[in-house]
Amino acid sequence: MVDWNWIYKLLNDITPLPVDCGRLCGSACCKEWERGVGMYLLPGEEIMFDRDEQWLIWEERSTGDDNYYPGRQGTLNFVRCHGTCPRNKRPFACRTFPVSPYLTPRGELQLRFEESAVLICPLVKAGDIQLLDRRFMARVRLAWEELLQNPLIREDVERKSRRLDRIGAEPWQKLLARD
């Protein structure tokens, strides 16, 4: 069982940079940069929210309606905000942006840039995850180590990691490789 209160508290007062990184981009990740953008909550994370909160728009999506969770039956919680939220209530995905987990084929946890973040985040565009605050990275790692104990979350991270492996092996990727 995930202790969501502990996870949220762990990430409540830390950000990717020791200063407000939103000054670099005008807080692009906190705005609707594309119509309907939002995030899926992790399994169990919904307990951290009151569905009547005015700043949060809830959607329940069937797993059959998109390719985010292929093979899983049921519904997923997808949330969007109006561009501002109570900072201490922001979802896990917002707390760890622009970092996401990756599991090697041997099951080792790595932290990487979120692939979709390249569209909006100057930190990702810089291409060096070492630029992020070490304390932030340590707490994100600690949170993911805890979350990966949940079989549903681990399965999702493994599936996304293998997808990244397949994409990385595509011949066109060589066109984007840096030397």
C-alpha atoms as a PDB file:
ATOM      1  CA  MET A   1       0.000   0.000   0.000  1.00  0.00           C
ATOM      2  CA  VAL A   2       1.443   3.339  -1.054  1.00  0.00           C
ATOM      3  CA  ASP A   3       1.626   6.022   1.623  1.00  0.00           C
ATOM      4  CA  TRP A   4       0.579   8.922  -0.591  1.00  0.00           C
ATOM      5  CA  ASN A   5       0.779  11.428   2.254  1.00  0.00           C
ATOM      6  CA  TRP A   6       4.462  10.567   2.730  1.00  0.00           C
ATOM      7  CA  ILE A   7       5.139  10.694  -1.033  1.00  0.00           C
ATOM      8  CA  TYR A   8       3.499  14.108  -1.359  1.00  0.00           C
ATOM      9  CA  LYS A   9       5.277  15.464   1.716  1.00  0.00           C
ATOM     10  CA  LEU A  10       8.618  14.194   0.379  1.00  0.00           C
ATOM     11  CA  LEU A  11       8.160  16.250  -2.795  1.00  0.00           C
ATOM     12  CA  ASN A  12       6.216  19.184  -1.372  1.00  0.00           C
ATOM     13  CA  ASP A  13       9.031  21.702  -0.916  1.00  0.00           C
ATOM     14  CA  ILE A  14      11.487  20.790  -3.646  1.00  0.00           C
ATOM     15  CA  THR A  15      11.716  21.616  -7.347  1.00  0.00           C
ATOM     16  CA  PRO A  16      14.026  20.737 -10.253  1.00  0.00           C
ATOM     17  CA  LEU A  17      16.190  23.788  -9.575  1.00  0.00           C
ATOM     18  CA  PRO A  18      17.120  25.478  -6.306  1.00  0.00           C
ATOM     19  CA  VAL A  19      15.239  28.525  -7.660  1.00  0.00           C
ATOM     20  CA  ASP A  20      11.824  28.831  -9.299  1.00  0.00           C
ATOM     21  CA  CYS A  21      12.402  27.132 -12.650  1.00  0.00           C
ATOM     22  CA  GLY A  22       9.101  28.603 -13.879  1.00  0.00           C
ATOM     23  CA  ARG A  23      10.936  31.888 -14.406  1.00  0.00           C
ATOM     24  CA  LEU A  24      12.802  30.244 -17.310  1.00  0.00           C
ATOM     25  CA  CYS A  25       9.695  29.395 -19.269  1.00  0.00           C
ATOM     26  CA  GLY A  26       6.829  31.399 -17.788  1.00  0.00           C
ATOM     27  CA  SER A  27       5.657  28.304 -15.874  1.00  0.00           C
ATOM     28  CA  ALA A  28       4.797  26.547 -19.133  1.00  0.00           C
ATOM     29  CA  CYS A  29       4.210  23.197 -17.429  1.00  0.00           C
ATOM     30  CA  CYS A  30       1.494  24.757 -15.251  1.00  0.00           C
ATOM     31  CA  LYS A  31      -0.517  26.006 -18.218  1.00  0.00           C
ATOM     32  CA  GLU A  32      -2.687  24.376 -20.809  1.00  0.00           C
ATOM     33  CA  TRP A  33      -0.026  24.544 -23.535  1.00  0.00           C
ATOM     34  CA  GLU A  34      -2.184  22.262 -25.658  1.00  0.00           C
ATOM     35  CA  ARG A  35      -5.966  21.917 -25.467  1.00  0.00           C
ATOM     36  CA  GLY A  36      -7.024  19.262 -22.967  1.00  0.00           C
ATOM     37  CA  VAL A  37      -3.564  18.565 -21.569  1.00  0.00           C
ATOM     38  CA  GLY A  38      -3.503  16.924 -18.170  1.00  0.00           C
ATOM     39  CA  MET A  39      -2.162  13.858 -16.471  1.00  0.00           C
ATOM     40  CA  TYR A  40      -3.152  10.401 -15.396  1.00  0.00           C
ATOM     41  CA  LEU A  41      -3.067   9.783 -11.690  1.00  0.00           C
ATOM     42  CA  LEU A  42      -1.143   6.734 -10.556  1.00  0.00           C
ATOM     43  CA  PRO A  43      -3.171   3.851  -9.115  1.00  0.00           C
ATOM     44  CA  GLY A  44      -4.384   4.888  -5.658  1.00  0.00           C
ATOM     45  CA  GLU A  45      -3.330   8.533  -5.991  1.00  0.00           C
ATOM     46  CA  GLU A  46      -6.939   9.674  -6.288  1.00  0.00           C
ATOM     47  CA  ILE A  47      -7.270   9.451  -2.486  1.00  0.00           C
ATOM     48  CA  MET A  48      -5.261  12.678  -2.256  1.00  0.00           C
ATOM     49  CA  PHE A  49      -8.038  14.715  -3.871  1.00  0.00           C
ATOM     50  CA  ASP A  50     -11.594  15.756  -3.241  1.00  0.00           C
ATOM     51  CA  ARG A  51     -13.471  15.400  -6.519  1.00  0.00           C
ATOM     52  CA  ASP A  52     -15.355  18.605  -5.720  1.00  0.00           C
ATOM     53  CA  GLU A  53     -12.244  20.794  -5.696  1.00  0.00           C
ATOM     54  CA  GLN A  54     -12.844  23.702  -8.062  1.00  0.00           C
ATOM     55  CA  TRP A  55      -9.284  23.877  -9.414  1.00  0.00           C
ATOM     56  CA  LEU A  56      -9.292  20.284 -10.668  1.00  0.00           C
ATOM     57  CA  ILE A  57     -11.231  18.819 -13.582  1.00  0.00           C
ATOM     58  CA  TRP A  58     -11.737  15.053 -13.330  1.00  0.00           C
ATOM     59  CA  GLU A  59     -12.252  12.595 -16.144  1.00  0.00           C
ATOM     60  CA  GLU A  60     -12.603   8.861 -15.920  1.00  0.00           C
ATOM     61  CA  ARG A  61     -11.218   7.238 -19.019  1.00  0.00           C
ATOM     62  CA  SER A  62     -11.679   3.655 -20.003  1.00  0.00           C
ATOM     63  CA  THR A  63      -8.416   1.808 -20.513  1.00  0.00           C
ATOM     64  CA  GLY A  64      -9.838   0.675 -23.838  1.00  0.00           C
ATOM     65  CA  ASP A  65     -10.174   4.295 -25.020  1.00  0.00           C
ATOM     66  CA  ASP A  66      -6.472   4.974 -25.398  1.00  0.00           C
ATOM     67  CA  ASN A  67      -3.130   3.251 -25.662  1.00  0.00           C
ATOM     68  CA  TYR A  68      -1.774   4.499 -22.342  1.00  0.00           C
ATOM     69  CA  TYR A  69      -2.574   1.236 -20.560  1.00  0.00           C
ATOM     70  CA  PRO A  70      -2.944  -1.450 -23.234  1.00  0.00           C
ATOM     71  CA  GLY A  71      -4.265  -4.760 -21.978  1.00  0.00           C
ATOM     72  CA  ARG A  72      -5.668  -3.406 -18.715  1.00  0.00           C
ATOM     73  CA  GLN A  73      -9.400  -3.393 -18.107  1.00  0.00           C
ATOM     74  CA  GLY A  74     -11.102  -0.640 -16.128  1.00  0.00           C
ATOM     75  CA  THR A  75     -11.004   3.106 -15.771  1.00  0.00           C
ATOM     76  CA  LEU A  76      -8.214   5.591 -15.201  1.00  0.00           C
ATOM     77  CA  ASN A  77      -8.344   8.920 -13.433  1.00  0.00           C
ATOM     78  CA  PHE A  78      -7.235  11.764 -15.669  1.00  0.00           C
ATOM     79  CA  VAL A  79      -7.049  15.274 -14.233  1.00  0.00           C
ATOM     80  CA  ARG A  80      -6.606  18.763 -15.607  1.00  0.00           C
ATOM     81  CA  CYS A  81      -6.347  22.049 -13.809  1.00  0.00           C
ATOM     82  CA  HIS A  82      -7.067  25.633 -14.752  1.00  0.00           C
ATOM     83  CA  GLY A  83      -3.389  26.594 -14.762  1.00  0.00           C
ATOM     84  CA  THR A  84      -3.082  27.192 -11.059  1.00  0.00           C
ATOM     85  CA  CYS A  85      -3.439  24.897  -8.127  1.00  0.00           C
ATOM     86  CA  PRO A  86      -2.764  24.867  -4.418  1.00  0.00           C
ATOM     87  CA  ARG A  87       0.949  24.001  -4.536  1.00  0.00           C
ATOM     88  CA  ASN A  88       0.688  21.474  -1.713  1.00  0.00           C
ATOM     89  CA  LYS A  89      -2.094  19.644  -3.575  1.00  0.00           C
ATOM     90  CA  ARG A  90      -0.484  19.294  -7.003  1.00  0.00           C
ATOM     91  CA  PRO A  91      -0.501  15.744  -8.433  1.00  0.00           C
ATOM     92  CA  PHE A  92       2.552  13.485  -8.318  1.00  0.00           C
ATOM     93  CA  ALA A  93       3.273  13.971 -12.037  1.00  0.00           C
ATOM     94  CA  CYS A  94       3.528  17.730 -11.466  1.00  0.00           C
ATOM     95  CA  ARG A  95       5.814  17.257  -8.481  1.00  0.00           C
ATOM     96  CA  THR A  96       8.342  15.213 -10.453  1.00  0.00           C
ATOM     97  CA  PHE A  97       8.128  16.977 -13.829  1.00  0.00           C
ATOM     98  CA  PRO A  98      10.242  16.877 -16.028  1.00  0.00           C
ATOM     99  CA  VAL A  99      11.610  13.576 -14.702  1.00  0.00           C
ATOM    100  CA  SER A 100      10.179  10.112 -15.233  1.00  0.00           C
ATOM    101  CA  PRO A 101      11.249   6.622 -14.230  1.00  0.00           C
ATOM    102  CA  TYR A 102      12.842   4.065 -16.510  1.00  0.00           C
ATOM    103  CA  LEU A 103      13.492   0.429 -15.595  1.00  0.00           C
ATOM    104  CA  THR A 104      16.393  -1.239 -17.359  1.00  0.00           C
ATOM    105  CA  PRO A 105      15.749  -4.726 -18.751  1.00  0.00           C
ATOM    106  CA  ARG A 106      17.420  -5.987 -15.523  1.00  0.00           C
ATOM    107  CA  GLY A 107      14.900  -4.003 -13.442  1.00  0.00           C
ATOM    108  CA  GLU A 108      17.216  -1.212 -12.256  1.00  0.00           C
ATOM    109  CA  LEU A 109      15.618   2.189 -11.735  1.00  0.00           C
ATOM    110  CA  GLN A 110      16.946   5.123 -13.727  1.00  0.00           C
ATOM    111  CA  LEU A 111      15.578   8.636 -13.824  1.00  0.00           C
ATOM    112  CA  ARG A 112      15.262  10.241 -17.228  1.00  0.00           C
ATOM    113  CA  PHE A 113      13.665  13.270 -18.755  1.00  0.00           C
ATOM    114  CA  GLU A 114       9.974  12.860 -19.530  1.00  0.00           C
ATOM    115  CA  GLU A 115       9.806  12.394 -23.296  1.00  0.00           C
ATOM    116  CA  SER A 116       6.901  14.800 -23.787  1.00  0.00           C
ATOM    117  CA  ALA A 117       8.637  17.514 -21.720  1.00  0.00           C
ATOM    118  CA  VAL A 118      10.933  18.403 -24.613  1.00  0.00           C
ATOM    119  CA  LEU A 119       8.063  20.375 -26.103  1.00  0.00           C
ATOM    120  CA  ILE A 120       7.807  22.829 -23.201  1.00  0.00           C
ATOM    121  CA  CYS A 121      10.674  22.546 -20.730  1.00  0.00           C
ATOM    122  CA  PRO A 122      13.952  24.453 -21.250  1.00  0.00           C
ATOM    123  CA  LEU A 123      15.661  22.122 -18.789  1.00  0.00           C
ATOM    124  CA  VAL A 124      14.879  19.166 -21.039  1.00  0.00           C
ATOM    125  CA  LYS A 125      15.843  21.103 -24.152  1.00  0.00           C
ATOM    126  CA  ALA A 126      19.262  21.669 -22.543  1.00  0.00           C
ATOM    127  CA  GLY A 127      19.624  17.893 -22.671  1.00  0.00           C
ATOM    128  CA  ASP A 128      21.544  17.370 -19.407  1.00  0.00           C
ATOM    129  CA  ILE A 129      19.683  15.862 -16.463  1.00  0.00           C
ATOM    130  CA  GLN A 130      22.732  16.636 -14.330  1.00  0.00           C
ATOM    131  CA  LEU A 131      21.598  20.291 -14.376  1.00  0.00           C
ATOM    132  CA  LEU A 132      18.726  19.394 -12.052  1.00  0.00           C
ATOM    133  CA  ASP A 133      19.111  19.886  -8.314  1.00  0.00           C
ATOM    134  CA  ARG A 134      20.662  16.813  -6.661  1.00  0.00           C
ATOM    135  CA  ARG A 135      18.238  17.022  -3.720  1.00  0.00           C
ATOM    136  CA  PHE A 136      15.280  17.031  -6.114  1.00  0.00           C
ATOM    137  CA  MET A 137      16.657  14.012  -7.970  1.00  0.00           C
ATOM    138  CA  ALA A 138      17.323  12.134  -4.707  1.00  0.00           C
ATOM    139  CA  ARG A 139      13.757  12.686  -3.499  1.00  0.00           C
ATOM    140  CA  VAL A 140      12.253  11.747  -6.861  1.00  0.00           C
ATOM    141  CA  ARG A 141      14.311   8.535  -6.775  1.00  0.00           C
ATOM    142  CA  LEU A 142      13.156   7.789  -3.225  1.00  0.00           C
ATOM    143  CA  ALA A 143       9.527   8.356  -4.221  1.00  0.00           C
ATOM    144  CA  TRP A 144       9.805   6.079  -7.257  1.00  0.00           C
ATOM    145  CA  GLU A 145      11.559   3.369  -5.252  1.00  0.00           C
ATOM    146  CA  GLU A 146       8.567   3.371  -2.925  1.00  0.00           C
ATOM    147  CA  LEU A 147       5.994   3.522  -5.735  1.00  0.00           C
ATOM    148  CA  LEU A 148       7.603   0.652  -7.633  1.00  0.00           C
ATOM    149  CA  GLN A 149       6.684  -1.642  -4.733  1.00  0.00           C
ATOM    150  CA  ASN A 150       3.098  -1.415  -6.034  1.00  0.00           C
ATOM    151  CA  PRO A 151       2.696  -4.135  -8.718  1.00  0.00           C
ATOM    152  CA  LEU A 152       0.354  -2.037 -10.900  1.00  0.00           C
ATOM    153  CA  ILE A 153       2.700   0.945 -10.915  1.00  0.00           C
ATOM    154  CA  ARG A 154       5.760  -1.247 -11.548  1.00  0.00           C
ATOM    155  CA  GLU A 155       3.991  -2.968 -14.448  1.00  0.00           C
ATOM    156  CA  ASP A 156       3.173   0.406 -16.001  1.00  0.00           C
ATOM    157  CA  VAL A 157       6.758   1.683 -15.636  1.00  0.00           C
ATOM    158  CA  GLU A 158       8.141  -1.561 -17.119  1.00  0.00           C
ATOM    159  CA  ARG A 159       5.746  -1.347 -20.074  1.00  0.00           C
ATOM    160  CA  LYS A 160       6.655   2.295 -20.745  1.00  0.00           C
ATOM    161  CA  SER A 161      10.360   1.486 -20.409  1.00  0.00           C
ATOM    162  CA  ARG A 162      10.146  -1.304 -22.998  1.00  0.00           C
ATOM    163  CA  ARG A 163       8.251   1.095 -25.289  1.00  0.00           C
ATOM    164  CA  LEU A 164      11.132   3.576 -24.957  1.00  0.00           C
ATOM    165  CA  ASP A 165      13.572   0.758 -25.769  1.00  0.00           C
ATOM    166  CA  ARG A 166      11.644  -0.048 -28.953  1.00  0.00           C
ATOM    167  CA  ILE A 167      11.488   3.607 -29.975  1.00  0.00           C
ATOM    168  CA  GLY A 168      15.191   4.070 -29.221  1.00  0.00           C
ATOM    169  CA  ALA A 169      16.051   1.167 -31.513  1.00  0.00           C
ATOM    170  CA  GLU A 170      14.193   2.669 -34.478  1.00  0.00           C
ATOM    171  CA  PRO A 171      16.542   3.587 -37.371  1.00  0.00           C
ATOM    172  CA  TRP A 172      15.316   7.193 -37.504  1.00  0.00           C
ATOM    173  CA  GLN A 173      16.632   7.731 -33.945  1.00  0.00           C
ATOM    174  CA  LYS A 174      20.167   7.762 -35.365  1.00  0.00           C
ATOM    175  CA  LEU A 175      19.271  11.028 -37.085  1.00  0.00           C
ATOM    176  CA  LEU A 176      18.753  12.650 -33.672  1.00  0.00           C
ATOM    177  CA  ALA A 177      21.807  11.170 -31.952  1.00  0.00           C
ATOM    178  CA  ARG A 178      24.292  13.592 -30.453  1.00  0.00           C
ATOM    179  CA  ASP A 179      27.992  12.928 -30.769  1.00  0.00           C
END
